[in-house]
Amino acid sequence: MKISCLQENLSKGLSTVGRAVAARSTLPQTSHVLIASEEGRLKLAATNLEIAITSWIGAKVEEEGAITVPARLLSDFVNSLPNEPIEMTLTPRGRQLRIVCARNEASVAGMDANDFPPIPAIRDGAPLKLDPISLRTAINQVEFAAAADDTRPVLTGIHMLMEDSDLTLAAADGFRLAVHKLSLGEKVAQRTEVIIPARAMRELNRFLADEEEPIEMTLNAARSQVLFRLKNVEMVAQLIQGTFPNYSQLIPQSWTSRAVVDVAEFLRETRIASIFARDGSGIVRLQVNPGEELQPGKLVISARAEEIGDNRGEVDVTVEGEAAKIAFNSKYLQDVLQVLDVSQVALETTNPSSPGVLRPVGQDNYVHVVMPMFVQW
């Protein structure tokens, strides 16, 4: 093997696939990155057996070949090199990768490329084309609501429902629920639902920032794996098997109080209150007070911690219905407010012990449900 490429491109490619390198594994190859020539380009691949990422970068291929080398060692070395062309050669019958860049050279011991875990080739399903900007917004607004622990594995994933010409993403952890619906622009052949690991969706989200053309999503026939194909990157993820909760039943269909509030002001006051909430179980109290005559309504945001102190802030709101009181975990409130891409959000409540609902004003494709905290008023 004899391949040359730019340091900048190799560094970016290693960063892309490095997200799939196993941190700890009994299989040494999963801590390696595969380097191979393929159709005049340099192919890089890594897998932790749950996610596999493959990236292609432009290169000059003089001799074909393939090898796997320790991912972290190679990445750290390449990142420290000057922005000059890099030449990589593999000794015949050897497993030593020689790297030369400007006045630096190194030799890295590798392993046979044939021993690298095979990356599934998903070719049997019909690809679904997705707009990268819309998908990125959808992932941003739901992934944080997925569960972090494995007590209920299905809740560590993002539920995807393809039906008619819509794709609905949903995530829940037992305390909150986020649902985003986006239009596909074309009708799907049949209703399909899968659960994709939230971690895989977060990795995909990183790649979407640089994409302009539609990306392709393909499911294998067994509904056990999903492939996302971008311009120069492919990611395969193992799907989570199980039944996702019927979340439509968890979204309140009515309210007794609806307050429309400025997102930036709401987030700022919540962050201020969270400073005091840290020593008070993270509880932030919200009180909605309708305005009198021509006066605007008020949303009072407060927090208190025993023996330490308390705070109180307020913002103007437009209120429909009656006065309301409800308390939330400050982190859950901040998580949703900071991913909204609108200027105003509606807070809908019925009573202090029922879930609160946040809906972006002017958009009907997103809803966020938060379970309340029980406090003494």
Protein backbone atom coordinates (compact mmCIF):
# COMPACT_ATOMS: atom_id res chain seq x y z
CA MET A 1 0.00 0.00 0.00
CA LYS A 2 1.21 3.47 -0.89
CA ILE A 3 -1.18 6.39 -0.38
CA SER A 4 -0.69 10.13 0.00
CA CYS A 5 -3.22 12.69 1.22
CA LEU A 6 -3.42 16.05 2.98
CA GLN A 7 -2.90 16.16 6.74
CA GLU A 8 -6.04 18.29 7.14
CA ASN A 9 -8.22 15.77 5.31
CA LEU A 10 -6.80 12.76 7.16
CA SER A 11 -7.25 14.49 10.51
CA LYS A 12 -10.88 15.29 9.72
CA GLY A 13 -11.54 11.73 8.50
CA LEU A 14 -10.03 10.20 11.64
CA SER A 15 -12.11 12.55 13.79
CA THR A 16 -15.26 11.44 11.96
CA VAL A 17 -14.76 7.69 12.38
CA GLY A 18 -13.14 8.06 15.81
CA ARG A 19 -16.61 8.54 17.31
CA ALA A 20 -17.26 4.83 16.71
CA VAL A 21 -14.03 3.52 18.23
CA ALA A 22 -14.69 1.37 21.31
CA ALA A 23 -13.40 2.92 24.54
CA ARG A 24 -13.16 -0.46 26.27
CA SER A 25 -13.48 -3.80 24.57
CA THR A 26 -12.20 -7.34 24.78
CA LEU A 27 -11.87 -7.31 20.99
CA PRO A 28 -8.65 -5.41 20.10
CA GLN A 29 -9.80 -4.60 16.56
CA THR A 30 -12.61 -2.37 17.85
CA SER A 31 -10.00 0.04 19.24
CA HIS A 32 -8.42 0.20 15.77
CA VAL A 33 -9.24 2.17 12.66
CA LEU A 34 -9.28 0.46 9.27
CA ILE A 35 -7.21 2.19 6.57
CA ALA A 36 -7.74 0.99 3.02
CA SER A 37 -7.67 2.15 -0.58
CA GLU A 38 -10.98 2.03 -2.41
CA GLU A 39 -11.73 3.27 -5.92
CA GLY A 40 -9.00 5.89 -5.90
CA ARG A 41 -9.87 7.22 -2.44
CA LEU A 42 -8.72 6.57 1.10
CA LYS A 43 -11.29 4.68 3.18
CA LEU A 44 -11.34 4.94 6.97
CA ALA A 45 -13.64 2.83 9.14
CA ALA A 46 -14.25 2.14 12.84
CA THR A 47 -16.82 0.16 14.80
CA ASN A 48 -17.71 -0.62 18.41
CA LEU A 49 -20.10 -3.37 17.17
CA GLU A 50 -23.11 -1.10 17.90
CA ILE A 51 -22.22 1.74 15.56
CA ALA A 52 -19.98 1.56 12.49
CA ILE A 53 -18.77 4.73 10.73
CA THR A 54 -17.01 4.79 7.37
CA SER A 55 -15.50 7.91 5.83
CA TRP A 56 -13.85 8.50 2.44
CA ILE A 57 -11.31 11.23 1.73
CA GLY A 58 -9.51 12.30 -1.42
CA ALA A 59 -6.08 10.73 -1.83
CA LYS A 60 -3.48 9.70 -4.38
CA VAL A 61 -3.37 5.89 -4.46
CA GLU A 62 -0.17 4.47 -5.97
CA GLU A 63 -0.49 0.98 -4.51
CA GLU A 64 -3.62 -0.71 -3.13
CA GLY A 65 -3.66 -2.15 0.38
CA ALA A 66 -5.33 -2.23 3.79
CA ILE A 67 -4.38 -2.42 7.47
CA THR A 68 -5.84 -1.62 10.90
CA VAL A 69 -3.90 0.49 13.41
CA PRO A 70 -4.65 1.81 16.94
CA ALA A 71 -7.11 4.66 16.41
CA ARG A 72 -6.11 6.94 19.26
CA LEU A 73 -2.38 6.69 18.56
CA LEU A 74 -2.84 7.45 14.87
CA SER A 75 -5.28 10.29 15.48
CA ASP A 76 -3.10 11.99 18.10
CA PHE A 77 -0.04 11.70 15.85
CA VAL A 78 -1.76 13.02 12.71
CA ASN A 79 -3.35 15.91 14.62
CA SER A 80 0.07 17.03 15.82
CA LEU A 81 1.61 17.08 12.32
CA PRO A 82 1.99 20.23 10.19
CA ASN A 83 -0.54 20.90 7.43
CA GLU A 84 1.54 19.15 4.76
CA PRO A 85 0.99 16.10 2.52
CA ILE A 86 1.17 12.76 4.35
CA GLU A 87 2.50 9.61 2.72
CA MET A 88 1.54 6.21 4.14
CA THR A 89 3.18 2.99 3.04
CA LEU A 90 2.75 -0.60 4.12
CA THR A 91 5.67 -2.99 3.98
CA PRO A 92 5.05 -6.13 1.89
CA ARG A 93 3.95 -9.01 4.14
CA GLY A 94 4.41 -6.68 7.07
CA ARG A 95 2.00 -5.11 9.49
CA GLN A 96 3.89 -1.88 9.96
CA LEU A 97 2.36 1.35 8.63
CA ARG A 98 5.02 3.94 7.83
CA ILE A 99 3.86 7.55 7.93
CA VAL A 100 5.92 10.43 6.55
CA CYS A 101 4.93 14.11 6.76
CA ALA A 102 7.39 16.95 6.14
CA ARG A 103 10.32 16.20 8.49
CA ASN A 104 8.36 13.77 10.66
CA GLU A 105 8.09 10.05 10.22
CA ALA A 106 6.68 7.22 12.29
CA SER A 107 6.08 3.49 12.13
CA VAL A 108 2.92 2.08 13.66
CA ALA A 109 2.29 -1.61 14.31
CA GLY A 110 -1.05 -2.74 12.96
CA MET A 111 -3.20 -5.83 12.48
CA ASP A 112 -4.48 -7.72 9.45
CA ALA A 113 -7.38 -5.89 7.80
CA ASN A 114 -9.15 -9.25 7.28
CA ASP A 115 -9.54 -9.55 11.06
CA PHE A 116 -11.43 -6.26 11.29
CA PRO A 117 -15.11 -6.77 12.25
CA PRO A 118 -17.18 -6.77 9.05
CA ILE A 119 -19.33 -3.68 8.59
CA PRO A 120 -22.86 -4.66 7.49
CA ALA A 121 -23.76 -3.77 3.92
CA ILE A 122 -27.40 -2.73 3.84
CA ARG A 123 -28.57 -2.80 0.26
CA ASP A 124 -31.92 -4.62 0.36
CA GLY A 125 -34.20 -1.84 1.65
CA ALA A 126 -35.70 1.13 -0.18
CA PRO A 127 -33.76 4.27 0.79
CA LEU A 128 -35.67 7.16 2.30
CA LYS A 129 -34.38 10.63 1.39
CA LEU A 130 -34.20 13.14 4.26
CA ASP A 131 -33.45 16.85 4.28
CA PRO A 132 -30.34 17.31 6.50
CA ILE A 133 -31.45 20.68 7.93
CA SER A 134 -34.91 19.45 8.93
CA LEU A 135 -33.51 16.21 10.34
CA ARG A 136 -30.91 18.10 12.35
CA THR A 137 -33.60 20.28 13.92
CA ALA A 138 -35.69 17.19 14.73
CA ILE A 139 -32.77 15.36 16.39
CA ASN A 140 -31.79 18.46 18.38
CA GLN A 141 -35.29 18.79 19.76
CA VAL A 142 -35.77 15.18 20.87
CA GLU A 143 -32.46 13.40 21.61
CA PHE A 144 -31.90 15.04 25.02
CA ALA A 145 -35.16 13.52 26.31
CA ALA A 146 -33.94 9.93 25.84
CA ALA A 147 -33.06 7.99 29.00
CA ALA A 148 -29.41 7.87 30.04
CA ASP A 149 -29.58 4.58 31.98
CA ASP A 150 -30.32 1.08 30.65
CA THR A 151 -33.10 0.20 33.10
CA ARG A 152 -35.55 0.26 30.19
CA PRO A 153 -33.47 -0.14 27.00
CA VAL A 154 -36.22 1.09 24.64
CA LEU A 155 -36.14 4.48 26.37
CA THR A 156 -32.43 4.94 25.54
CA GLY A 157 -33.41 5.23 21.89
CA ILE A 158 -35.31 7.58 19.62
CA HIS A 159 -38.54 6.17 18.24
CA MET A 160 -38.98 6.74 14.50
CA LEU A 161 -42.38 6.34 12.89
CA MET A 162 -42.69 6.52 9.11
CA GLU A 163 -46.32 6.83 8.07
CA ASP A 164 -47.96 8.37 4.99
CA SER A 165 -45.62 11.26 4.11
CA ASP A 166 -44.45 12.05 7.66
CA LEU A 167 -41.52 11.00 9.82
CA THR A 168 -42.11 11.38 13.58
CA LEU A 169 -39.25 11.27 16.07
CA ALA A 170 -39.99 10.78 19.76
CA ALA A 171 -37.92 10.31 22.92
CA ALA A 172 -38.93 9.88 26.56
CA ASP A 173 -37.23 9.00 29.83
CA GLY A 174 -40.23 8.64 32.13
CA PHE A 175 -40.10 12.28 33.26
CA ARG A 176 -40.44 14.07 29.92
CA LEU A 177 -41.48 13.43 26.34
CA ALA A 178 -40.35 15.19 23.14
CA VAL A 179 -42.11 14.63 19.81
CA HIS A 180 -41.12 16.21 16.47
CA LYS A 181 -42.88 15.55 13.18
CA LEU A 182 -41.28 16.37 9.85
CA SER A 183 -42.61 16.06 6.32
CA LEU A 184 -40.88 13.66 3.93
CA GLY A 185 -42.26 15.16 0.75
CA GLU A 186 -43.12 11.68 -0.50
CA LYS A 187 -45.39 8.92 0.72
CA VAL A 188 -43.79 5.84 2.29
CA ALA A 189 -44.81 2.42 0.99
CA GLN A 190 -45.82 1.08 4.40
CA ARG A 191 -46.09 2.17 8.01
CA THR A 192 -42.77 1.43 9.73
CA GLU A 193 -41.50 2.07 13.23
CA VAL A 194 -38.03 1.46 14.66
CA ILE A 195 -36.01 2.52 17.71
CA ILE A 196 -32.57 3.96 16.94
CA PRO A 197 -30.05 4.40 19.81
CA ALA A 198 -29.95 8.04 20.88
CA ARG A 199 -26.15 7.89 20.82
CA ALA A 200 -26.19 6.93 17.15
CA MET A 201 -28.53 9.83 16.38
CA ARG A 202 -26.22 12.24 18.20
CA GLU A 203 -23.30 11.06 16.09
CA LEU A 204 -25.37 11.43 12.92
CA ASN A 205 -26.29 14.95 14.01
CA ARG A 206 -22.63 15.96 14.06
CA PHE A 207 -22.24 14.96 10.42
CA LEU A 208 -25.39 16.76 9.27
CA ALA A 209 -23.92 20.22 9.93
CA ASP A 210 -21.77 19.97 6.77
CA GLU A 211 -24.40 18.34 4.56
CA GLU A 212 -26.38 20.21 1.91
CA GLU A 213 -27.72 17.39 -0.26
CA PRO A 214 -30.47 15.03 0.97
CA ILE A 215 -29.17 12.04 2.94
CA GLU A 216 -30.44 8.47 2.61
CA MET A 217 -31.77 6.24 5.38
CA THR A 218 -32.13 2.51 4.68
CA LEU A 219 -33.40 -0.28 6.95
CA ASN A 220 -32.36 -3.88 6.45
CA ALA A 221 -35.02 -6.51 5.81
CA ALA A 222 -34.83 -7.86 9.37
CA ARG A 223 -35.37 -4.37 10.88
CA SER A 224 -32.28 -4.88 13.01
CA GLN A 225 -29.94 -2.30 11.44
CA VAL A 226 -30.19 1.13 9.85
CA LEU A 227 -27.82 2.78 7.38
CA PHE A 228 -27.43 6.54 6.97
CA ARG A 229 -25.59 7.49 3.79
CA LEU A 230 -24.15 11.00 3.47
CA LYS A 231 -21.89 12.46 0.81
CA ASN A 232 -18.59 11.11 2.16
CA VAL A 233 -19.73 9.26 5.28
CA GLU A 234 -21.80 6.16 6.03
CA MET A 235 -23.04 5.13 9.46
CA VAL A 236 -24.62 1.78 10.35
CA ALA A 237 -26.33 1.36 13.73
CA GLN A 238 -27.88 -1.62 15.48
CA LEU A 239 -31.55 -0.97 16.23
CA ILE A 240 -33.05 -1.42 19.71
CA GLN A 241 -35.56 -4.25 19.81
CA GLY A 242 -38.71 -3.80 21.88
CA THR A 243 -41.97 -1.85 22.05
CA PHE A 244 -41.85 1.89 22.60
CA PRO A 245 -44.56 3.33 24.89
CA ASN A 246 -47.70 4.66 23.21
CA TYR A 247 -46.70 8.26 23.83
CA SER A 248 -49.72 9.84 22.13
CA GLN A 249 -51.71 8.95 25.27
CA LEU A 250 -49.28 10.98 27.39
CA ILE A 251 -49.88 14.30 25.60
CA PRO A 252 -52.65 16.30 27.34
CA GLN A 253 -55.37 17.32 24.90
CA SER A 254 -56.76 20.21 26.95
CA TRP A 255 -55.61 22.97 29.32
CA THR A 256 -57.05 25.41 31.84
CA SER A 257 -54.20 27.92 31.55
CA ARG A 258 -52.12 28.89 28.53
CA ALA A 259 -49.30 31.42 28.81
CA VAL A 260 -47.36 32.65 25.77
CA VAL A 261 -43.88 33.77 26.82
CA ASP A 262 -40.69 34.99 25.16
CA VAL A 263 -38.28 32.03 24.92
CA ALA A 264 -35.09 34.03 25.61
CA GLU A 265 -36.58 35.72 28.72
CA PHE A 266 -38.04 32.43 29.98
CA LEU A 267 -34.68 30.68 29.58
CA ARG A 268 -32.75 33.51 31.25
CA GLU A 269 -35.02 33.59 34.31
CA THR A 270 -34.99 29.79 34.55
CA ARG A 271 -31.19 29.78 34.54
CA ILE A 272 -31.13 32.39 37.29
CA ALA A 273 -33.61 30.39 39.37
CA SER A 274 -31.60 27.19 38.81
CA ILE A 275 -28.70 28.71 40.78
CA PHE A 276 -30.88 28.62 43.89
CA ALA A 277 -32.61 25.41 42.78
CA ARG A 278 -29.30 23.51 42.95
CA ASP A 279 -29.65 23.23 46.71
CA GLY A 280 -33.40 22.75 46.57
CA SER A 281 -33.73 19.47 44.63
CA GLY A 282 -33.52 21.37 41.34
CA ILE A 283 -37.08 22.64 41.71
CA VAL A 284 -38.21 25.78 39.89
CA ARG A 285 -41.69 27.11 40.66
CA LEU A 286 -43.81 28.78 37.98
CA GLN A 287 -46.87 30.93 38.70
CA VAL A 288 -49.03 32.25 35.89
CA ASN A 289 -51.08 35.35 36.74
CA PRO A 290 -53.51 36.78 34.14
CA GLY A 291 -53.31 40.55 33.60
CA GLU A 292 -56.06 42.91 34.67
CA GLU A 293 -57.83 45.01 32.03
CA LEU A 294 -55.12 46.18 29.58
CA GLN A 295 -52.17 45.00 31.69
CA PRO A 296 -50.12 41.99 30.46
CA GLY A 297 -50.09 38.79 32.47
CA LYS A 298 -47.09 37.76 34.56
CA LEU A 299 -45.08 34.55 34.77
CA VAL A 300 -43.29 34.42 38.11
CA ILE A 301 -40.27 32.08 38.16
CA SER A 302 -38.86 31.32 41.61
CA ALA A 303 -36.69 28.89 43.51
CA ARG A 304 -35.68 28.47 47.13
CA ALA A 305 -33.26 26.38 49.10
CA GLU A 306 -33.68 25.89 52.82
CA GLU A 307 -31.15 27.82 54.96
CA ILE A 308 -29.48 29.25 51.84
CA GLY A 309 -31.87 31.66 50.15
CA ASP A 310 -34.41 32.18 47.42
CA ASN A 311 -35.02 34.23 44.31
CA ARG A 312 -37.93 35.51 42.28
CA GLY A 313 -38.07 36.79 38.71
CA GLU A 314 -40.93 37.61 36.40
CA VAL A 315 -41.64 38.10 32.70
CA ASP A 316 -44.62 39.48 30.82
CA VAL A 317 -46.89 36.88 29.21
CA THR A 318 -50.14 36.66 27.32
CA VAL A 319 -52.51 34.49 29.33
CA GLU A 320 -55.58 32.58 28.22
CA GLY A 321 -57.66 30.90 30.90
CA GLU A 322 -57.06 31.05 34.62
CA ALA A 323 -54.15 31.54 36.99
CA ALA A 324 -51.90 28.50 37.43
CA LYS A 325 -49.11 27.09 39.57
CA ILE A 326 -46.69 24.31 38.62
CA ALA A 327 -43.14 23.25 39.51
CA PHE A 328 -40.55 21.63 37.23
CA ASN A 329 -37.03 20.26 37.41
CA SER A 330 -34.93 23.25 36.28
CA LYS A 331 -32.71 21.10 34.06
CA TYR A 332 -35.66 19.67 32.15
CA LEU A 333 -37.02 23.17 31.57
CA GLN A 334 -33.66 24.52 30.37
CA ASP A 335 -33.07 21.52 28.09
CA VAL A 336 -36.20 22.20 26.04
CA LEU A 337 -36.04 26.00 26.04
CA GLN A 338 -32.52 26.06 24.62
CA VAL A 339 -33.37 23.90 21.58
CA LEU A 340 -36.41 25.89 20.45
CA ASP A 341 -35.82 27.90 17.26
CA VAL A 342 -38.78 30.27 17.71
CA SER A 343 -39.15 33.52 19.66
CA GLN A 344 -42.21 32.50 21.70
CA VAL A 345 -43.40 29.33 23.43
CA ALA A 346 -46.77 28.45 24.92
CA LEU A 347 -46.90 26.84 28.38
CA GLU A 348 -50.11 24.85 28.84
CA THR A 349 -51.15 23.52 32.26
CA THR A 350 -54.24 22.10 33.98
CA ASN A 351 -53.23 21.72 37.63
CA PRO A 352 -50.02 21.48 39.74
CA SER A 353 -50.01 17.67 39.65
CA SER A 354 -50.62 17.18 35.90
CA PRO A 355 -47.97 17.33 33.16
CA GLY A 356 -47.10 20.69 31.65
CA VAL A 357 -46.91 21.09 27.87
CA LEU A 358 -44.60 23.40 25.91
CA ARG A 359 -45.41 24.18 22.28
CA PRO A 360 -43.50 26.57 19.98
CA VAL A 361 -45.78 29.39 18.88
CA GLY A 362 -46.28 29.33 15.11
CA GLN A 363 -45.14 25.71 14.72
CA ASP A 364 -47.40 22.70 15.10
CA ASN A 365 -44.78 20.00 14.49
CA TYR A 366 -43.23 19.91 17.98
CA VAL A 367 -44.55 19.24 21.45
CA HIS A 368 -42.75 18.73 24.75
CA VAL A 369 -44.37 17.26 27.85
CA VAL A 370 -42.77 17.60 31.30
CA MET A 371 -43.88 15.86 34.48
CA PRO A 372 -44.33 18.26 37.41
CA MET A 373 -42.48 18.26 40.74
CA PHE A 374 -44.63 18.05 43.86
CA VAL A 375 -44.01 20.98 46.20
CA GLN A 376 -45.65 22.78 49.11
CA TRP A 377 -47.08 26.06 47.90
